[in-house]
Protein backbone atom coordinates (compact mmCIF):
# COMPACT_ATOMS: atom_id res chain seq x y z
CA MET A 1 -27.79 15.25 36.44
CA ALA A 2 -29.12 11.69 37.24
CA GLN A 3 -30.36 9.40 34.47
CA VAL A 4 -31.65 5.82 34.58
CA ASN A 5 -31.13 3.14 31.74
CA VAL A 6 -33.54 0.19 31.37
CA TRP A 7 -33.19 -2.93 29.46
CA SER A 8 -34.61 -6.51 29.39
CA ASP A 9 -33.63 -10.10 28.66
CA GLY A 10 -36.35 -10.26 25.98
CA PRO A 11 -37.92 -10.92 23.64
CA GLY A 12 -40.17 -12.24 26.21
CA VAL A 13 -42.27 -15.40 25.96
CA LEU A 14 -45.81 -15.66 27.27
CA ASP A 15 -46.05 -17.72 30.46
CA ILE A 16 -42.39 -17.53 30.99
CA PRO A 17 -40.67 -14.93 33.36
CA MET A 18 -38.77 -12.14 31.89
CA THR A 19 -36.61 -9.58 33.63
CA MET A 20 -36.37 -5.85 33.46
CA ASN A 21 -33.20 -4.21 34.60
CA ALA A 22 -32.55 -0.46 35.69
CA ARG A 23 -29.33 1.22 36.50
CA LEU A 24 -29.03 4.78 37.85
CA SER A 25 -26.05 6.97 37.02
CA GLY A 26 -24.94 10.66 36.94
CA GLN A 27 -24.83 13.39 39.62
CA MET A 28 -27.28 13.09 42.42
CA PRO A 29 -29.10 16.30 43.69
CA ILE A 30 -28.26 15.29 47.31
CA GLU A 31 -26.14 12.86 49.06
CA VAL A 32 -28.40 9.79 49.16
CA ASN A 33 -27.83 5.93 48.87
CA GLN A 34 -31.25 4.69 48.58
CA PHE A 35 -33.90 5.35 45.72
CA VAL A 36 -37.33 4.25 44.98
CA TYR A 37 -37.88 2.59 41.52
CA VAL A 38 -41.31 2.35 40.02
CA PHE A 39 -41.65 -0.19 37.02
CA GLU A 40 -45.08 0.12 35.06
CA ASP A 41 -45.96 -1.23 31.68
CA ILE A 42 -48.24 0.51 29.13
CA GLY A 43 -50.74 -0.99 26.69
CA LEU A 44 -51.31 -4.11 28.57
CA SER A 45 -54.49 -5.22 30.35
CA PRO A 46 -54.24 -5.90 33.14
CA ARG A 47 -51.41 -3.48 33.73
CA HIS A 48 -48.45 -4.47 35.81
CA ARG A 49 -46.82 -2.23 38.46
CA TYR A 50 -43.85 -2.76 40.68
CA GLU A 51 -42.32 -0.52 43.26
CA THR A 52 -39.03 -1.29 45.18
CA ILE A 53 -36.24 0.43 47.16
CA SER A 54 -32.64 -0.08 46.07
CA GLY A 55 -29.26 1.56 45.39
CA ARG A 56 -28.14 2.52 42.03
CA GLU A 57 -29.17 -0.72 40.26
CA THR A 58 -32.19 -3.06 40.53
CA ASN A 59 -34.37 -5.49 38.61
CA TYR A 60 -38.02 -6.73 38.11
CA THR A 61 -39.05 -10.13 36.98
CA VAL A 62 -42.52 -10.46 35.56
CA VAL A 63 -44.73 -13.16 33.94
CA TYR A 64 -47.18 -12.25 31.28
CA GLN A 65 -49.86 -14.94 31.02
CA SER A 66 -50.92 -16.29 27.67
CA ASN A 67 -54.64 -16.28 28.73
CA GLU A 68 -54.29 -12.52 29.62
CA THR A 69 -51.90 -11.18 26.99
CA ILE A 70 -51.37 -11.43 23.33
CA SER A 71 -48.16 -11.27 21.46
CA GLY A 72 -46.88 -7.88 20.54
CA THR A 73 -44.62 -4.98 21.36
CA TYR A 74 -45.05 -3.00 24.64
CA THR A 75 -43.55 -0.37 26.78
CA MET A 76 -42.12 -0.44 30.29
CA ILE A 77 -41.68 3.03 32.14
CA VAL A 78 -39.29 3.20 34.98
CA GLN A 79 -39.16 6.18 37.26
CA VAL A 80 -36.62 6.85 40.10
CA PHE A 81 -37.31 8.89 43.25
CA VAL A 82 -35.22 10.05 46.06
CA TYR A 83 -35.66 7.95 49.13
CA ILE A 84 -35.13 10.31 52.19
CA TRP A 85 -35.92 10.01 55.87
CA GLY A 86 -38.03 6.86 55.09
CA PHE A 87 -40.15 8.56 52.60
CA LYS A 88 -40.34 8.59 48.71
CA GLY A 89 -39.09 12.03 47.76
CA TRP A 90 -39.05 13.75 44.41
CA LEU A 91 -38.52 12.42 40.97
CA ILE A 92 -34.92 12.51 39.65
CA ALA A 93 -34.86 10.28 36.53
CA GLU A 94 -37.11 8.41 34.06
CA ASP A 95 -36.66 5.99 31.20
CA ARG A 96 -38.89 4.03 28.68
CA HIS A 97 -38.02 0.69 27.31
CA LYS A 98 -39.84 -1.10 24.39
CA PHE A 99 -39.98 -4.94 24.60
CA VAL A 100 -41.58 -7.81 22.62
CA LEU A 101 -43.80 -10.52 23.80
CA GLN A 102 -44.43 -13.79 21.78
CA ASP A 103 -46.00 -17.20 22.25
CA THR A 104 -43.23 -19.25 20.89
CA LEU A 105 -39.66 -19.74 22.32
CA ALA A 106 -37.42 -17.05 21.23
CA GLY A 107 -33.87 -17.66 20.00
CA ASN A 108 -31.53 -18.13 17.23
CA ILE A 109 -28.95 -20.47 15.52
CA ASN A 110 -25.36 -19.75 16.22
CA ILE A 111 -22.69 -20.76 13.63
CA THR A 112 -19.08 -21.69 14.36
CA GLN A 113 -16.40 -23.05 12.17
CA SER A 114 -12.58 -23.13 12.63
CA GLY A 115 -10.76 -20.79 10.36
CA VAL A 116 -13.52 -18.50 9.38
CA SER A 117 -13.93 -15.17 10.48
CA GLN A 118 -16.70 -14.07 12.90
CA LYS A 119 -17.96 -11.54 10.42
CA ALA A 120 -18.49 -14.29 7.87
CA LEU A 121 -20.17 -16.50 10.22
CA THR A 122 -22.42 -13.77 11.53
CA ASP A 123 -23.39 -13.36 7.77
CA GLY A 124 -24.08 -17.01 7.61
CA ILE A 125 -21.08 -17.91 5.42
CA VAL A 126 -19.25 -21.15 5.92
CA ALA A 127 -16.51 -23.20 4.09
CA THR A 128 -17.38 -26.21 2.19
CA ASN A 129 -15.92 -29.68 2.96
CA ARG A 130 -15.28 -28.75 6.67
CA GLU A 131 -17.23 -29.32 9.64
CA VAL A 132 -19.63 -26.71 10.71
CA GLN A 133 -21.03 -26.55 14.32
CA LEU A 134 -24.64 -25.28 14.58
CA MET A 135 -26.06 -24.43 18.07
CA ALA A 136 -29.63 -23.63 19.10
CA GLN A 137 -29.58 -20.71 21.45
CA ILE A 138 -32.80 -20.19 23.45
CA ASN A 139 -33.35 -16.69 24.81
CA TYR A 140 -34.87 -17.63 28.05
CA GLY A 141 -37.32 -15.08 29.75
CA SER A 142 -35.20 -15.37 32.96
CA HIS A 143 -31.81 -16.70 34.15
CA VAL A 144 -33.62 -18.86 36.58
CA LEU A 145 -34.97 -21.09 33.90
CA LYS A 146 -31.62 -22.11 32.34
CA ASN A 147 -31.22 -25.08 34.58
CA SER A 148 -34.90 -25.85 34.95
CA SER A 149 -35.94 -27.00 31.39
CA VAL A 150 -35.70 -30.16 29.40
CA CYS A 151 -35.57 -29.62 25.59
CA ASN A 152 -35.37 -31.77 22.43
CA TYR A 153 -33.87 -30.41 19.25
CA THR A 154 -34.80 -31.73 15.73
CA TRP A 155 -32.70 -30.29 12.86
CA VAL A 156 -33.72 -30.08 9.14
CA LEU A 157 -31.10 -29.61 6.53
CA GLU A 158 -31.07 -30.01 2.79
CA SER A 159 -34.73 -31.32 2.98
CA LYS A 160 -33.67 -34.03 5.42
CA THR A 161 -35.02 -34.31 8.99
CA HIS A 162 -32.46 -35.49 11.60
CA ASP A 163 -33.58 -37.47 14.76
CA ALA A 164 -34.46 -35.41 17.92
CA ASN A 165 -31.59 -35.00 20.29
CA PRO A 166 -31.42 -33.31 23.74
CA SER A 167 -28.22 -31.53 22.75
CA PRO A 168 -28.59 -28.04 21.24
CA VAL A 169 -25.37 -28.63 19.20
CA PHE A 170 -25.51 -30.10 15.73
CA LYS A 171 -22.32 -30.82 13.46
CA TYR A 172 -22.68 -30.85 9.74
CA ASN A 173 -20.49 -30.66 6.45
CA PHE A 174 -21.75 -28.85 3.50
CA THR A 175 -20.04 -30.47 0.53
CA THR A 176 -21.34 -28.15 -2.31
CA ASN A 177 -21.19 -24.19 -2.67
CA ALA A 178 -24.70 -23.28 -2.50
CA THR A 179 -27.25 -21.54 -0.21
CA PHE A 180 -29.05 -23.71 2.34
CA GLU A 181 -31.94 -23.22 4.72
CA VAL A 182 -31.46 -24.47 8.24
CA GLU A 183 -34.17 -25.13 10.65
CA VAL A 184 -34.30 -26.41 14.23
CA ILE A 185 -37.69 -27.43 15.97
CA ILE A 186 -37.53 -27.25 19.83
CA PHE A 187 -39.83 -28.73 22.34
CA CYS A 188 -39.19 -27.63 25.95
CA ASN A 189 -40.81 -28.49 29.32
CA ILE A 190 -40.08 -25.74 31.82
CA SER A 191 -40.49 -25.79 35.53
CA TYR A 192 -41.14 -22.56 37.25
CA MET A 193 -42.83 -21.94 40.73
CA LYS A 194 -43.88 -25.48 40.80
CA THR A 195 -45.63 -25.23 37.49
CA ASN A 196 -44.77 -27.14 34.44
CA ILE A 197 -44.88 -25.18 31.19
CA SER A 198 -44.54 -26.69 27.69
CA LYS A 199 -43.24 -24.46 24.99
CA PHE A 200 -42.37 -24.82 21.29
CA GLY A 201 -39.78 -23.17 19.30
CA HIS A 202 -38.79 -22.85 15.69
CA PHE A 203 -35.55 -21.19 14.62
CA THR A 204 -34.38 -20.71 11.08
CA THR A 205 -31.17 -19.37 9.45
CA THR A 206 -29.67 -19.19 5.94
CA ILE A 207 -26.10 -20.59 5.24
CA LYS A 208 -24.21 -19.85 2.18
CA ALA A 209 -21.43 -22.50 1.67
CA LYS A 210 -18.50 -21.30 -0.33
CA ASN A 211 -15.22 -23.04 -1.60
CA GLU A 212 -12.03 -22.10 -0.01
CA ILE A 213 -8.83 -20.82 -1.93
CA GLN A 214 -6.77 -23.84 -2.19
CA GLY A 215 -3.50 -22.06 -2.96
CA LEU A 216 -1.69 -19.63 -5.31
CA ASN A 217 0.21 -19.97 -8.56
CA VAL A 218 2.78 -17.33 -9.34
CA THR A 219 4.52 -17.28 -12.91
CA GLY A 220 7.33 -14.99 -14.09
CA ASN A 221 11.06 -14.65 -13.89
CA THR A 222 12.37 -14.13 -10.39
CA TRP A 223 16.00 -13.78 -11.44
CA LEU A 224 16.43 -10.31 -12.83
CA LEU A 225 19.32 -8.68 -14.54
CA ASP A 226 20.08 -5.15 -12.98
CA GLY A 227 17.68 -2.80 -14.64
CA ALA A 228 15.12 -5.38 -15.67
CA LEU A 229 11.49 -5.15 -14.61
CA LEU A 230 9.84 -7.60 -12.34
CA GLN A 231 6.56 -8.95 -14.06
CA LEU A 232 4.63 -11.66 -12.27
CA LYS A 233 1.14 -13.10 -12.62
CA VAL A 234 -0.69 -14.48 -9.68
CA HIS A 235 -3.62 -16.82 -9.97
CA CYS A 236 -5.88 -18.59 -7.46
CA ARG A 237 -6.43 -22.23 -7.35
CA ALA A 238 -10.12 -22.61 -6.74
CA GLY A 239 -12.08 -20.51 -4.33
CA ASP A 240 -15.23 -18.53 -4.58
CA LYS A 241 -15.44 -14.82 -5.05
CA PRO A 242 -15.32 -12.14 -3.96
CA PHE A 243 -11.57 -11.88 -3.31
CA TRP A 244 -9.29 -9.39 -1.66
CA TYR A 245 -5.55 -9.31 -1.98
CA CYS A 246 -2.41 -7.26 -1.11
CA TYR A 247 1.23 -7.80 -1.58
CA GLU A 248 4.39 -6.06 -0.14
CA PHE A 249 8.01 -6.06 -0.79
CA SER A 250 10.63 -6.75 1.84
CA LYS A 251 14.27 -7.39 2.30
CA LYS A 252 13.73 -9.92 5.09
CA LEU A 253 11.73 -13.02 5.05
CA ARG A 254 8.51 -12.67 7.18
CA PRO A 255 6.82 -15.91 8.17
CA ASN A 256 2.93 -16.08 8.80
CA TYR A 257 2.35 -12.91 6.74
CA THR A 258 -1.00 -11.19 6.85
CA CYS A 259 -1.83 -8.34 4.94
CA SER A 260 -1.04 -5.02 6.68
CA LYS A 261 -1.90 -2.72 3.68
CA GLU A 262 -5.24 -1.82 2.30
CA LEU A 263 -6.90 -4.76 0.56
CA ILE A 264 -7.79 -4.61 -3.13
CA HIS A 265 -11.21 -6.05 -4.12
CA THR A 266 -11.53 -8.35 -7.28
CA ASN A 267 -14.08 -10.82 -8.47
CA ASP A 268 -11.52 -12.57 -10.59
CA CYS A 269 -8.68 -14.26 -8.68
CA TYR A 270 -5.92 -13.03 -11.00
CA PHE A 271 -3.67 -9.93 -10.81
CA PRO A 272 -0.26 -8.87 -12.14
CA ILE A 273 2.60 -7.57 -10.04
CA THR A 274 5.06 -5.19 -11.72
CA HIS A 275 7.94 -3.65 -9.90
CA TYR A 276 11.38 -2.14 -10.43
CA PHE A 277 14.24 -2.84 -8.01
CA PRO A 278 16.79 0.02 -8.06
CA TYR A 279 19.49 -1.96 -6.26
CA ASN A 280 20.95 -5.36 -6.72
CA GLY A 281 20.25 -8.08 -3.97
CA THR A 282 17.69 -10.37 -2.66
CA TYR A 283 14.10 -9.33 -2.10
CA TYR A 284 10.94 -11.06 -0.85
CA ILE A 285 7.35 -10.48 -2.12
CA ASP A 286 4.62 -11.44 0.40
CA ILE A 287 1.33 -12.12 -1.29
CA GLY A 288 -1.82 -12.51 0.68
CA ILE A 289 -5.31 -13.39 -0.74
CA TYR A 290 -8.71 -13.60 1.10
CA ASN A 291 -12.20 -14.66 0.23
CA ASP A 292 -14.99 -14.91 2.64
CA VAL A 293 -13.98 -18.30 4.11
CA ASN A 294 -10.11 -18.45 4.32
CA PHE A 295 -6.96 -16.73 3.66
CA VAL A 296 -3.85 -17.98 1.84
CA ASN A 297 -0.46 -16.34 1.64
CA LYS A 298 2.78 -17.13 -0.32
CA THR A 299 6.33 -15.48 -0.29
CA ILE A 300 8.27 -15.14 -3.50
CA LYS A 301 12.10 -14.78 -3.48
CA VAL A 302 13.43 -12.36 -6.30
CA ASN A 303 17.13 -12.03 -7.00
CA VAL A 304 18.48 -9.03 -8.71
CA TYR A 305 22.16 -9.46 -10.05
CA ASP A 306 24.65 -7.84 -12.23
CA ILE A 307 26.97 -9.41 -14.91
CA VAL A 308 30.74 -9.30 -14.06
CA ARG A 309 32.39 -8.99 -17.38
CA GLN A 310 35.40 -11.42 -17.40
CA THR A 311 37.76 -12.49 -20.22
CA GLN A 312 36.92 -15.72 -21.65
CA LEU A 313 39.26 -18.39 -21.07
CA SER A 314 39.66 -19.12 -24.90
CA PHE A 315 41.10 -15.57 -25.31
CA VAL A 316 43.91 -16.52 -22.92
CA ILE A 317 44.56 -20.13 -23.88
CA ILE A 318 44.62 -19.73 -27.68
CA PRO A 319 47.42 -16.94 -27.76
CA VAL A 320 49.45 -18.82 -25.33
CA VAL A 321 49.30 -22.20 -27.04
CA SER A 322 49.91 -20.59 -30.47
CA SER A 323 53.07 -18.81 -29.21
CA ILE A 324 54.29 -22.21 -27.79
CA LEU A 325 53.58 -23.92 -31.00
CA ALA A 326 55.46 -21.18 -33.00
CA ILE A 327 58.41 -21.46 -30.62
CA VAL A 328 58.53 -25.28 -30.92
CA ILE A 329 58.26 -24.92 -34.81
CA VAL A 330 61.05 -22.35 -34.95
CA VAL A 331 63.34 -24.52 -32.64
CA ALA A 332 62.51 -27.68 -34.57
CA GLY A 333 63.33 -25.80 -37.74
CA ILE A 334 66.58 -24.53 -36.48
CA ALA A 335 67.56 -27.90 -35.14
CA TYR A 336 66.58 -29.54 -38.51
CA HIS A 337 68.76 -27.02 -40.43
CA LEU A 338 71.86 -27.56 -38.27
CA GLN A 339 71.42 -31.16 -38.54
CA GLN A 340 71.37 -31.02 -42.34
CA ARG A 341 74.30 -28.83 -42.49
CA ALA A 342 76.23 -31.18 -40.20
CA ASN A 343 75.53 -34.02 -42.42
CA ASN A 344 76.83 -32.21 -45.40
CA ASN A 345 80.21 -31.08 -43.71
CA ILE A 346 83.54 -32.37 -45.39
CA THR A 347 86.33 -32.92 -42.89
CA LEU A 348 89.70 -31.88 -44.36
CA GLU A 349 92.93 -32.36 -42.29
CA VAL A 350 96.08 -30.58 -43.55
CA ALA A 351 99.42 -31.50 -42.32
CA ASP A 352 101.88 -28.58 -42.52
CA PHE A 353 105.38 -29.82 -41.81
CA ASP A 354 108.57 -27.77 -43.14
CA PHE A 355 111.46 -29.96 -42.46
CA GLN A 356 113.72 -27.18 -43.93
CA GLN A 357 113.17 -25.02 -41.10
CA ASN A 358 114.25 -25.75 -37.72
CA ASP A 359 112.39 -23.22 -35.66
CA ASP A 360 109.97 -25.94 -34.27
CA LEU A 361 112.98 -27.84 -33.14
CA VAL A 362 114.29 -24.89 -31.33
CA GLU A 363 113.43 -24.80 -27.69
CA LYS A 364 110.88 -21.93 -26.98
CA THR A 365 110.47 -19.91 -24.12
CA PHE A 366 107.11 -20.00 -22.13
CA PHE A 367 105.89 -16.66 -23.59
CA GLU A 368 106.72 -17.87 -27.05
CA ARG A 369 104.76 -21.00 -26.55
CA LEU A 370 101.78 -18.88 -25.07
CA ARG A 371 101.88 -16.57 -28.14
CA THR A 372 101.84 -19.39 -30.63
CA SER A 373 98.95 -21.01 -28.82
CA ILE A 374 96.86 -17.87 -28.78
CA ALA A 375 97.58 -17.26 -32.47
CA THR A 376 96.52 -20.86 -33.26
CA ALA A 377 93.28 -20.39 -31.35
CA MET A 378 92.44 -17.28 -33.11
CA ARG A 379 93.06 -18.71 -36.50
CA GLU A 380 90.75 -21.61 -35.67
CA THR A 381 88.03 -19.27 -34.37
CA ILE A 382 88.31 -16.89 -37.43
CA PHE A 383 88.69 -19.40 -40.19
CA TYR A 384 86.71 -22.33 -38.97
CA PRO A 385 83.56 -20.99 -37.23
CA PHE A 386 81.26 -23.90 -38.48
CA ASN A 387 82.99 -26.61 -36.60
CA PRO A 388 84.66 -25.20 -33.61
CA CYS A 389 84.38 -28.52 -31.54
CA THR A 390 87.07 -30.44 -33.30
CA ARG A 391 89.70 -27.76 -32.89
CA GLY A 392 91.19 -29.36 -36.18
CA GLU A 393 91.58 -28.07 -39.56
CA HIS A 394 88.13 -28.82 -40.92
CA TYR A 395 86.77 -27.34 -43.98
CA ASN A 396 83.05 -27.11 -44.80
CA ASN A 397 83.49 -27.16 -48.58
CA LEU A 398 85.10 -23.66 -48.22
CA ILE A 399 88.60 -24.50 -49.61
CA ASP A 400 88.89 -23.71 -53.22
CA ASP A 401 89.92 -26.67 -55.34
CA ASN A 402 92.83 -24.60 -56.71
CA ILE A 403 94.13 -23.88 -53.31
CA ALA A 404 93.95 -27.59 -52.32
CA THR A 405 95.98 -28.64 -55.64
CA ASN A 406 98.67 -26.07 -55.07
CA VAL A 407 99.39 -26.65 -51.40
CA ALA A 408 102.45 -28.69 -51.02
CA ILE A 409 105.26 -29.10 -48.49
CA ASN A 410 108.79 -29.30 -50.09
CA THR A 411 111.50 -31.31 -48.48
CA ASN A 412 114.85 -32.46 -49.70
CA ASP A 413 113.61 -36.05 -50.29
CA VAL A 414 109.89 -36.04 -50.04
CA SER A 415 106.95 -33.67 -50.99
CA TYR A 416 103.64 -34.13 -48.87
CA GLY A 417 100.48 -32.60 -49.93
CA ILE A 418 97.01 -32.88 -51.38
CA THR A 419 96.56 -33.45 -54.95
CA LYS A 420 93.07 -33.30 -56.65
């Protein structure tokens, strides 16, 4: 089934052309390429009627004179007929479009500012202490007028009127967070169909300037012993409410983080972060906070570690040093004791000659001399153990005085001995 859609570039301004547009769509009853469009307004005097032959789209430009028409809301009816064999056939579609006519220029003030979302700008919210671009946008009644008019723009902000300027763009910096009324007064000279038309326009808008969030302060311990609970506190530096925030945990560092989770709303830019990490390692917390005019983020590094229990160095050094000292003391004591005993020794040499026996003068065989040597060595070892190095007959005060008195060697002529 065929249907027609009608729209205009209004609101229209008296004495300035405005354009009505019509587009046909849907299934046609027969295969035709041409249609008859009939435009007719309702409620106006005199009424305007326009009929044209076209394809599936057409338009109608009309001028409503200020000496014939008053400002108000009116209706345009568009009917579409089949055009067949050179004649207007039957009606296949119809639509009604309401439009507004006014005596002054129609338009609005567009706001742009770097770093602020389009939604905030549409609501008239800007950031303080940053340049705002204001632009007066005239809704011309017809596209043919865009290059055929000369306008001057006078801006009024904070009770101050700025000089008229041919540029529709005005740049301003709001330094306080407050609500401001912005006005622009426009005078235009429009040329159309060899006619000069002077029109006046007055656009207003409300701007709410808000302070940006300057940064984030995050406090709390980020070096956690295994099993400990992470407890952080996040505060905003400056910034006007409301606020929205989110945070996410990750094992990898993610630059230029923006919130991918659902935002949490708050009017106080403070919130805690509490979390338990089940495993040791390095983690990252991406924190993002918005208000109406900007977004700030911060990444916090968290280290979760476990204590490796090791024997302290003192538990190893002290026993070793003590053992070495004990050995040194014992060795020194033994050395001192031997030295003292050596100093108290009495060396006694005994000459044992028996001139009455001629055994020593008798020549001995090799085995007899060997036996005598072994016997002598054994006696020295058994009876003189405390001074084995001299291999002499040394006594360490072990010889009884009676023995020393009675020892004697008798010969025919001389007696040798030791007498006390």
